[in-house]
Amino acid sequence: MSDERLLSTFLDLVRIDSPTAFEAACAAFLARRLEQLGFSVHFDDSATQTGSNTGNLIAELAGTGPGVLAFSAHMDCVEPCRGVEPIVAGDTVSSTGETVLGADDKAGLATAIEACTRLIESEEPYPTLKVLFTVQEEVGLVGAKHLSAEDAACDLCLVLDAEGAPGAIVIAAPTHYTFAASFIGRASHAGVAPERGVSAVLMAAEAVQRMRLGRLDEATTANVGTIRGGTATNVIPALVEMTGECRSIDRPTVEALRAEMEDALRAAAEAAGGSVDVTWKLEYEGFRYAEDDPFVALVSAGVRDAGFAPSTYATGGGSDANVLAGMGVPVLALACGMSGVHSTREQLTISDLQAITAICVAVGRRLATGV
């Protein structure tokens, strides 16, 4: 039975250790399965830049109908993810509680393998199939950022890496900036001559007070994540390092917020008589699709074909979909049913795994028939 095969593939995958940068064993398993299906499989040279023990896995199989459909998922898992032993209890799969389960994103990997298998085995037309299995997603979408335009090219890419019930479609995700700021003051003895010092801690505290943080509107957030510095309780601290971020689905909003946060950092340093060095990094671009976009309509129709109700939502998080969208790839992220991700409470229902697989198959048939 194909449902039994799907579950078996998922259980096999979660038992393979694949922490970030050590995805090779998982990649080898996936490559063997894809080659058995007739895919042409190759690994890009991203390992030389990412430091992973394998590159991104890219595979392609010519279809019997028009269109090119890509499935994307990532091969790395967050720690603790070594020695996962899945427990099946009724409809639910979980870990023993000592590790994560790894449904993020081995549910996506298993779904992609099974959806491709079912499309190939069926007597109906199917599009040319691609898979894009990436490394180091969990530490900043690193693998996806090294995909080539040629490897990523397709008519539609489904990123199988979102929480929520199958049938939910991510149609918007934010542009994300991070910053690193170094406040530079002047050290002095805190008990003998505090007036001779310039406190970098006070600068950092003042900067935080000047910023708008948290949820600023339904599409925009900002945060200060770390503050580190100082050497001893009796020394006026001369250096404090701060990191933070801002993100918004609305690009003009995030650009204005980034400028506002930098102004706060610089004003705080100037007011205290010190200085600050600020470095910003664009982590990834955002994307937004209209509810009536043709790609959204196509996937929604596939959801209905599979017997489920489609829904759409915007997320405040990023995924490989952001990177692919920034490359100009038509891409949507799909909810896979995983819950409790990045924790030892992570779990996945078998029925949700079956549902997202059925949805992917239905979308493939829609694309190949042009319906």
Protein backbone atom coordinates (compact mmCIF):
# COMPACT_ATOMS: atom_id res chain seq x y z
CA MET A 1 0.00 0.00 0.00
CA SER A 2 1.29 3.45 -0.88
CA ASP A 3 0.26 4.86 2.52
CA GLU A 4 2.30 2.18 4.26
CA ARG A 5 5.25 2.99 1.99
CA LEU A 6 4.90 6.68 2.82
CA LEU A 7 4.98 6.05 6.56
CA SER A 8 7.89 3.65 6.19
CA THR A 9 9.88 6.26 4.27
CA PHE A 10 9.20 8.87 6.94
CA LEU A 11 10.22 6.53 9.77
CA ASP A 12 13.39 5.56 7.92
CA LEU A 13 14.28 9.22 7.42
CA VAL A 14 13.80 10.32 11.02
CA ARG A 15 16.10 7.50 12.17
CA ILE A 16 18.93 8.95 10.05
CA ASP A 17 21.03 11.46 11.98
CA SER A 18 21.18 14.71 10.02
CA PRO A 19 22.04 17.67 12.23
CA THR A 20 22.90 20.86 10.41
CA ALA A 21 26.10 20.48 8.34
CA PHE A 22 25.95 16.67 8.61
CA GLU A 23 23.26 15.86 6.05
CA ALA A 24 25.25 13.38 3.91
CA ALA A 25 23.68 10.17 5.25
CA CYS A 26 20.18 11.54 4.72
CA ALA A 27 21.16 12.76 1.24
CA ALA A 28 22.52 9.33 0.30
CA PHE A 29 19.25 7.65 1.33
CA LEU A 30 17.24 10.14 -0.72
CA ALA A 31 19.53 9.86 -3.74
CA ARG A 32 19.13 6.07 -3.80
CA ARG A 33 15.34 6.34 -3.67
CA LEU A 34 15.25 8.92 -6.44
CA GLU A 35 17.62 6.97 -8.67
CA GLN A 36 15.39 3.90 -8.25
CA LEU A 37 12.54 6.02 -9.60
CA GLY A 38 14.58 6.98 -12.66
CA PHE A 39 15.61 10.47 -11.61
CA SER A 40 18.86 12.01 -12.71
CA VAL A 41 20.50 13.01 -9.41
CA HIS A 42 23.36 15.38 -8.74
CA PHE A 43 24.81 17.36 -5.86
CA ASP A 44 25.87 20.96 -6.30
CA ASP A 45 29.21 22.29 -5.09
CA SER A 46 27.71 24.31 -2.23
CA ALA A 47 29.54 22.23 0.39
CA THR A 48 32.71 24.14 -0.35
CA GLN A 49 30.95 27.32 0.79
CA THR A 50 28.57 26.03 3.46
CA GLY A 51 30.86 23.59 5.23
CA SER A 52 28.26 20.80 5.12
CA ASN A 53 29.45 17.27 4.41
CA THR A 54 27.30 17.24 1.26
CA GLY A 55 25.91 19.69 -1.24
CA ASN A 56 22.29 20.38 -2.01
CA LEU A 57 20.59 17.41 -3.70
CA ILE A 58 18.96 18.22 -7.03
CA ALA A 59 17.11 15.61 -9.09
CA GLU A 60 14.98 15.70 -12.21
CA LEU A 61 12.80 13.30 -14.18
CA ALA A 62 11.15 14.10 -17.52
CA GLY A 63 7.38 14.02 -17.34
CA THR A 64 4.68 12.67 -19.61
CA GLY A 65 2.83 15.97 -19.69
CA PRO A 66 3.61 19.68 -19.77
CA GLY A 67 5.06 21.78 -16.98
CA VAL A 68 7.88 21.49 -14.48
CA LEU A 69 6.92 20.95 -10.83
CA ALA A 70 9.54 21.13 -8.09
CA PHE A 71 9.26 19.91 -4.53
CA SER A 72 11.59 21.49 -1.99
CA ALA A 73 12.44 20.40 1.55
CA HIS A 74 15.50 20.60 3.78
CA MET A 75 17.60 17.71 5.03
CA ASP A 76 18.93 19.15 8.29
CA CYS A 77 17.23 19.03 11.69
CA VAL A 78 17.72 21.04 14.86
CA GLU A 79 19.42 19.43 17.85
CA PRO A 80 18.83 17.20 19.72
CA CYS A 81 18.26 15.09 16.62
CA ARG A 82 20.72 12.21 16.95
CA GLY A 83 19.45 8.73 17.72
CA VAL A 84 15.79 9.55 17.04
CA GLU A 85 13.54 6.61 17.76
CA PRO A 86 10.02 7.31 16.46
CA ILE A 87 7.04 6.05 18.40
CA VAL A 88 3.80 5.33 16.51
CA ALA A 89 0.73 5.50 18.71
CA GLY A 90 -2.48 5.30 16.75
CA ASP A 91 -2.43 8.15 14.24
CA THR A 92 0.43 10.03 15.89
CA VAL A 93 4.20 9.77 15.47
CA SER A 94 6.43 11.29 18.14
CA SER A 95 9.91 10.78 19.58
CA THR A 96 10.73 9.24 22.94
CA GLY A 97 10.95 12.77 24.34
CA GLU A 98 14.75 12.75 24.44
CA THR A 99 15.10 14.18 20.94
CA VAL A 100 13.10 16.10 18.39
CA LEU A 101 11.13 13.93 15.99
CA GLY A 102 12.56 15.52 12.86
CA ALA A 103 9.24 16.00 11.08
CA ASP A 104 10.74 19.41 10.36
CA ASP A 105 11.52 18.69 7.64
CA LYS A 106 11.56 14.95 7.06
CA ALA A 107 7.80 15.09 6.63
CA GLY A 108 8.54 17.27 3.60
CA LEU A 109 11.22 14.89 2.31
CA ALA A 110 8.98 11.84 2.66
CA THR A 111 6.08 13.66 1.05
CA ALA A 112 8.18 14.67 -1.95
CA ILE A 113 9.48 11.12 -2.49
CA GLU A 114 6.03 9.54 -2.21
CA ALA A 115 4.28 12.20 -4.31
CA CYS A 116 6.80 11.68 -7.10
CA THR A 117 6.40 7.90 -6.81
CA ARG A 118 2.61 8.07 -7.08
CA LEU A 119 2.71 10.44 -10.05
CA ILE A 120 5.14 8.17 -11.87
CA GLU A 121 3.18 5.02 -11.05
CA SER A 122 -0.14 6.47 -12.18
CA GLU A 123 -1.44 6.16 -15.71
CA GLU A 124 -2.22 9.87 -15.84
CA PRO A 125 0.05 12.56 -17.32
CA TYR A 126 2.47 14.11 -14.89
CA PRO A 127 4.79 17.11 -15.28
CA THR A 128 8.55 17.01 -15.35
CA LEU A 129 9.49 16.53 -11.71
CA LYS A 130 12.28 18.18 -9.78
CA VAL A 131 13.36 17.92 -6.18
CA LEU A 132 15.45 20.49 -4.35
CA PHE A 133 16.66 19.07 -1.06
CA THR A 134 18.77 21.62 0.77
CA VAL A 135 21.33 21.70 3.56
CA GLN A 136 21.62 24.04 6.53
CA GLU A 137 18.12 25.51 6.32
CA GLU A 138 17.85 25.71 10.08
CA VAL A 139 20.74 28.16 10.45
CA GLY A 140 19.66 30.79 7.94
CA LEU A 141 18.47 29.08 4.74
CA VAL A 142 22.13 28.62 3.87
CA GLY A 143 21.83 25.78 1.38
CA ALA A 144 19.04 27.42 -0.59
CA LYS A 145 21.12 30.58 -0.92
CA HIS A 146 23.68 28.54 -2.85
CA LEU A 147 21.25 26.98 -5.33
CA SER A 148 21.91 27.95 -8.92
CA ALA A 149 19.22 29.54 -11.05
CA GLU A 150 19.43 26.58 -13.43
CA ASP A 151 18.90 24.02 -10.67
CA ALA A 152 15.97 25.98 -9.20
CA ALA A 153 14.20 26.71 -12.51
CA CYS A 154 10.64 25.38 -12.72
CA ASP A 155 7.07 26.40 -13.45
CA LEU A 156 6.03 25.99 -9.81
CA CYS A 157 7.89 25.02 -6.66
CA LEU A 158 6.13 23.70 -3.57
CA VAL A 159 8.18 24.13 -0.40
CA LEU A 160 7.05 21.44 2.03
CA ASP A 161 8.02 23.08 5.28
CA ALA A 162 5.29 24.84 7.22
CA GLU A 163 3.30 24.16 10.36
CA GLY A 164 -0.47 23.87 10.20
CA ALA A 165 -3.07 21.54 8.79
CA PRO A 166 -2.58 20.31 5.20
CA GLY A 167 -4.52 22.52 2.83
CA ALA A 168 -3.04 25.71 4.26
CA ILE A 169 -0.95 27.69 1.79
CA VAL A 170 1.61 30.31 2.80
CA ILE A 171 1.06 33.23 0.44
CA ALA A 172 3.18 35.83 2.23
CA ALA A 173 6.40 35.85 4.25
CA PRO A 174 8.56 38.73 5.47
CA THR A 175 11.72 40.44 4.36
CA HIS A 176 14.14 39.87 7.23
CA TYR A 177 17.08 42.02 8.36
CA THR A 178 19.48 41.33 11.23
CA PHE A 179 21.96 43.72 12.82
CA ALA A 180 25.09 43.54 14.92
CA ALA A 181 26.03 46.66 16.89
CA SER A 182 29.20 47.33 18.90
CA PHE A 183 28.91 50.17 21.42
CA ILE A 184 32.27 51.70 22.22
CA GLY A 185 32.75 53.67 25.42
CA ARG A 186 35.68 54.26 27.77
CA ALA A 187 36.76 52.06 30.66
CA SER A 188 37.41 53.44 34.12
CA HIS A 189 37.36 52.24 37.75
CA ALA A 190 33.73 52.20 38.82
CA GLY A 191 34.54 53.08 42.43
CA VAL A 192 37.52 55.43 42.08
CA ALA A 193 36.75 57.42 38.92
CA PRO A 194 33.40 56.54 37.40
CA GLU A 195 33.09 60.06 35.96
CA ARG A 196 36.06 59.34 33.69
CA GLY A 197 34.30 56.39 32.07
CA VAL A 198 31.74 56.19 29.31
CA SER A 199 29.47 53.20 29.83
CA ALA A 200 28.71 51.07 26.79
CA VAL A 201 26.03 49.32 28.88
CA LEU A 202 24.18 52.61 29.32
CA MET A 203 24.35 53.18 25.57
CA ALA A 204 22.87 49.78 24.86
CA ALA A 205 20.13 50.27 27.45
CA GLU A 206 19.26 53.66 26.02
CA ALA A 207 19.14 52.21 22.51
CA VAL A 208 16.66 49.55 23.60
CA GLN A 209 14.50 52.21 25.24
CA ARG A 210 14.44 54.22 22.01
CA MET A 211 13.34 51.28 19.84
CA ARG A 212 9.87 50.02 19.10
CA LEU A 213 10.09 46.29 19.73
CA GLY A 214 7.76 43.31 19.60
CA ARG A 215 4.79 43.10 17.24
CA LEU A 216 4.38 46.50 15.64
CA ASP A 217 1.50 45.55 13.33
CA GLU A 218 0.09 42.35 11.84
CA ALA A 219 2.92 42.21 9.28
CA THR A 220 5.86 43.68 11.20
CA THR A 221 8.05 42.70 14.17
CA ALA A 222 11.32 43.86 15.74
CA ASN A 223 13.54 42.38 18.41
CA VAL A 224 16.78 42.81 20.32
CA GLY A 225 18.06 39.28 20.81
CA THR A 226 21.40 39.48 22.63
CA ILE A 227 23.43 41.97 24.65
CA ARG A 228 26.94 41.02 25.77
CA GLY A 229 29.74 43.04 27.31
CA GLY A 230 31.62 44.24 30.32
CA THR A 231 34.59 42.73 32.12
CA ALA A 232 34.02 43.15 35.87
CA THR A 233 31.62 44.75 38.34
CA ASN A 234 34.14 47.45 39.24
CA VAL A 235 34.94 48.51 35.68
CA ILE A 236 32.88 50.94 33.59
CA PRO A 237 32.26 48.77 30.50
CA ALA A 238 33.96 50.03 27.36
CA LEU A 239 32.42 47.55 24.92
CA VAL A 240 28.95 46.04 24.55
CA GLU A 241 27.77 44.01 21.58
CA MET A 242 24.11 43.79 20.65
CA THR A 243 22.25 41.80 18.02
CA GLY A 244 18.69 42.14 16.80
CA GLU A 245 16.38 42.04 13.87
CA CYS A 246 13.38 43.46 12.10
CA ARG A 247 11.05 41.90 9.59
CA SER A 248 7.91 42.77 7.70
CA ILE A 249 5.83 41.42 4.86
CA ASP A 250 5.64 45.00 3.60
CA ARG A 251 9.04 45.93 2.12
CA PRO A 252 8.78 49.75 2.54
CA THR A 253 7.81 49.21 6.18
CA VAL A 254 10.83 47.05 6.97
CA GLU A 255 13.17 49.51 5.27
CA ALA A 256 11.75 52.38 7.32
CA LEU A 257 11.95 50.30 10.49
CA ARG A 258 15.57 49.37 9.80
CA ALA A 259 16.47 53.05 9.44
CA GLU A 260 14.55 53.87 12.63
CA MET A 261 16.40 51.20 14.61
CA GLU A 262 19.77 52.37 13.34
CA ASP A 263 18.89 55.95 14.31
CA ALA A 264 18.10 54.72 17.81
CA LEU A 265 21.43 52.92 18.07
CA ARG A 266 23.42 55.94 16.92
CA ALA A 267 21.47 58.47 18.95
CA ALA A 268 21.97 56.43 22.13
CA ALA A 269 25.72 56.24 21.59
CA GLU A 270 26.01 59.95 20.79
CA ALA A 271 23.96 60.98 23.82
CA ALA A 272 26.34 59.08 26.11
CA GLY A 273 29.48 60.43 24.50
CA GLY A 274 30.47 57.16 22.86
CA SER A 275 30.19 55.59 19.43
CA VAL A 276 28.64 52.58 17.77
CA ASP A 277 29.48 50.41 14.78
CA VAL A 278 26.41 48.91 13.12
CA THR A 279 26.29 46.19 10.49
CA TRP A 280 23.06 45.09 8.81
CA LYS A 281 22.47 41.87 6.88
CA LEU A 282 19.56 41.10 4.59
CA GLU A 283 18.79 37.52 5.59
CA TYR A 284 16.18 36.97 2.91
CA GLU A 285 13.61 38.73 0.76
CA GLY A 286 9.91 38.49 1.44
CA PHE A 287 7.14 37.49 -0.92
CA ARG A 288 3.42 38.06 -1.21
CA TYR A 289 0.81 36.55 -3.51
CA ALA A 290 -2.71 37.83 -4.03
CA GLU A 291 -5.54 35.54 -3.01
CA ASP A 292 -6.57 35.28 -6.67
CA ASP A 293 -3.06 34.69 -8.03
CA PRO A 294 -3.05 31.89 -10.66
CA PHE A 295 -0.51 29.84 -8.69
CA VAL A 296 -2.60 30.11 -5.54
CA ALA A 297 -5.67 29.12 -7.56
CA LEU A 298 -3.84 26.10 -9.00
CA VAL A 299 -2.70 24.83 -5.61
CA SER A 300 -6.10 25.55 -4.05
CA ALA A 301 -7.75 23.49 -6.77
CA GLY A 302 -5.31 20.66 -6.03
CA VAL A 303 -6.21 20.84 -2.35
CA ARG A 304 -9.88 20.50 -3.22
CA ASP A 305 -9.14 17.65 -5.65
CA ALA A 306 -7.51 15.80 -2.75
CA GLY A 307 -10.64 16.27 -0.65
CA PHE A 308 -9.54 19.10 1.63
CA ALA A 309 -10.46 22.73 2.17
CA PRO A 310 -7.82 25.22 1.02
CA SER A 311 -6.87 28.20 3.15
CA THR A 312 -4.21 30.88 2.90
CA TYR A 313 -2.15 32.70 5.49
CA ALA A 314 0.82 34.98 5.98
CA THR A 315 3.71 33.92 8.18
CA GLY A 316 6.25 35.90 10.17
CA GLY A 317 8.90 33.23 9.66
CA GLY A 318 11.17 32.47 6.76
CA SER A 319 11.82 29.30 4.77
CA ASP A 320 13.59 28.23 1.63
CA ALA A 321 10.54 29.66 -0.16
CA ASN A 322 11.86 33.15 0.60
CA VAL A 323 15.18 32.45 -1.08
CA LEU A 324 13.55 30.82 -4.09
CA ALA A 325 11.09 33.68 -4.46
CA GLY A 326 14.02 36.10 -4.38
CA MET A 327 15.50 34.17 -7.32
CA GLY A 328 12.30 34.69 -9.30
CA VAL A 329 11.02 31.14 -8.86
CA PRO A 330 7.20 30.81 -8.62
CA VAL A 331 6.98 29.28 -5.16
CA LEU A 332 4.44 28.57 -2.44
CA ALA A 333 5.00 26.96 0.94
CA LEU A 334 2.54 24.32 2.12
CA ALA A 335 1.57 23.29 5.64
CA CYS A 336 2.56 19.70 6.36
CA GLY A 337 0.83 19.06 9.69
CA MET A 338 3.96 19.07 11.86
CA SER A 339 3.57 20.56 15.34
CA GLY A 340 5.81 21.30 18.30
CA VAL A 341 8.76 21.78 15.97
CA HIS A 342 12.19 22.58 17.44
CA SER A 343 11.24 20.84 20.65
CA THR A 344 11.20 17.33 22.08
CA ARG A 345 7.38 17.56 21.95
CA GLU A 346 7.41 17.56 18.14
CA GLN A 347 4.90 15.26 16.51
CA LEU A 348 3.13 14.49 13.26
CA THR A 349 -0.11 12.69 12.53
CA ILE A 350 -0.05 9.98 9.90
CA SER A 351 -3.29 11.28 8.43
CA ASP A 352 -1.69 14.71 7.90
CA LEU A 353 1.30 13.10 6.20
CA GLN A 354 -1.08 11.26 3.90
CA ALA A 355 -3.07 14.44 3.27
CA ILE A 356 -0.15 16.63 2.20
CA THR A 357 1.08 13.85 -0.07
CA ALA A 358 -2.32 13.56 -1.73
CA ILE A 359 -2.39 17.33 -2.20
CA CYS A 360 1.02 17.33 -3.89
CA VAL A 361 -0.06 14.56 -6.25
CA ALA A 362 -3.23 16.46 -7.13
CA VAL A 363 -1.30 19.66 -7.84
CA GLY A 364 1.05 17.70 -10.11
CA ARG A 365 -1.86 16.31 -12.09
CA ARG A 366 -3.43 19.75 -12.38
CA LEU A 367 -0.19 21.24 -13.70
CA ALA A 368 0.27 18.44 -16.26
CA THR A 369 -3.26 18.69 -17.60
CA GLY A 370 -3.51 22.48 -17.58
CA VAL A 371 -6.89 22.30 -15.83
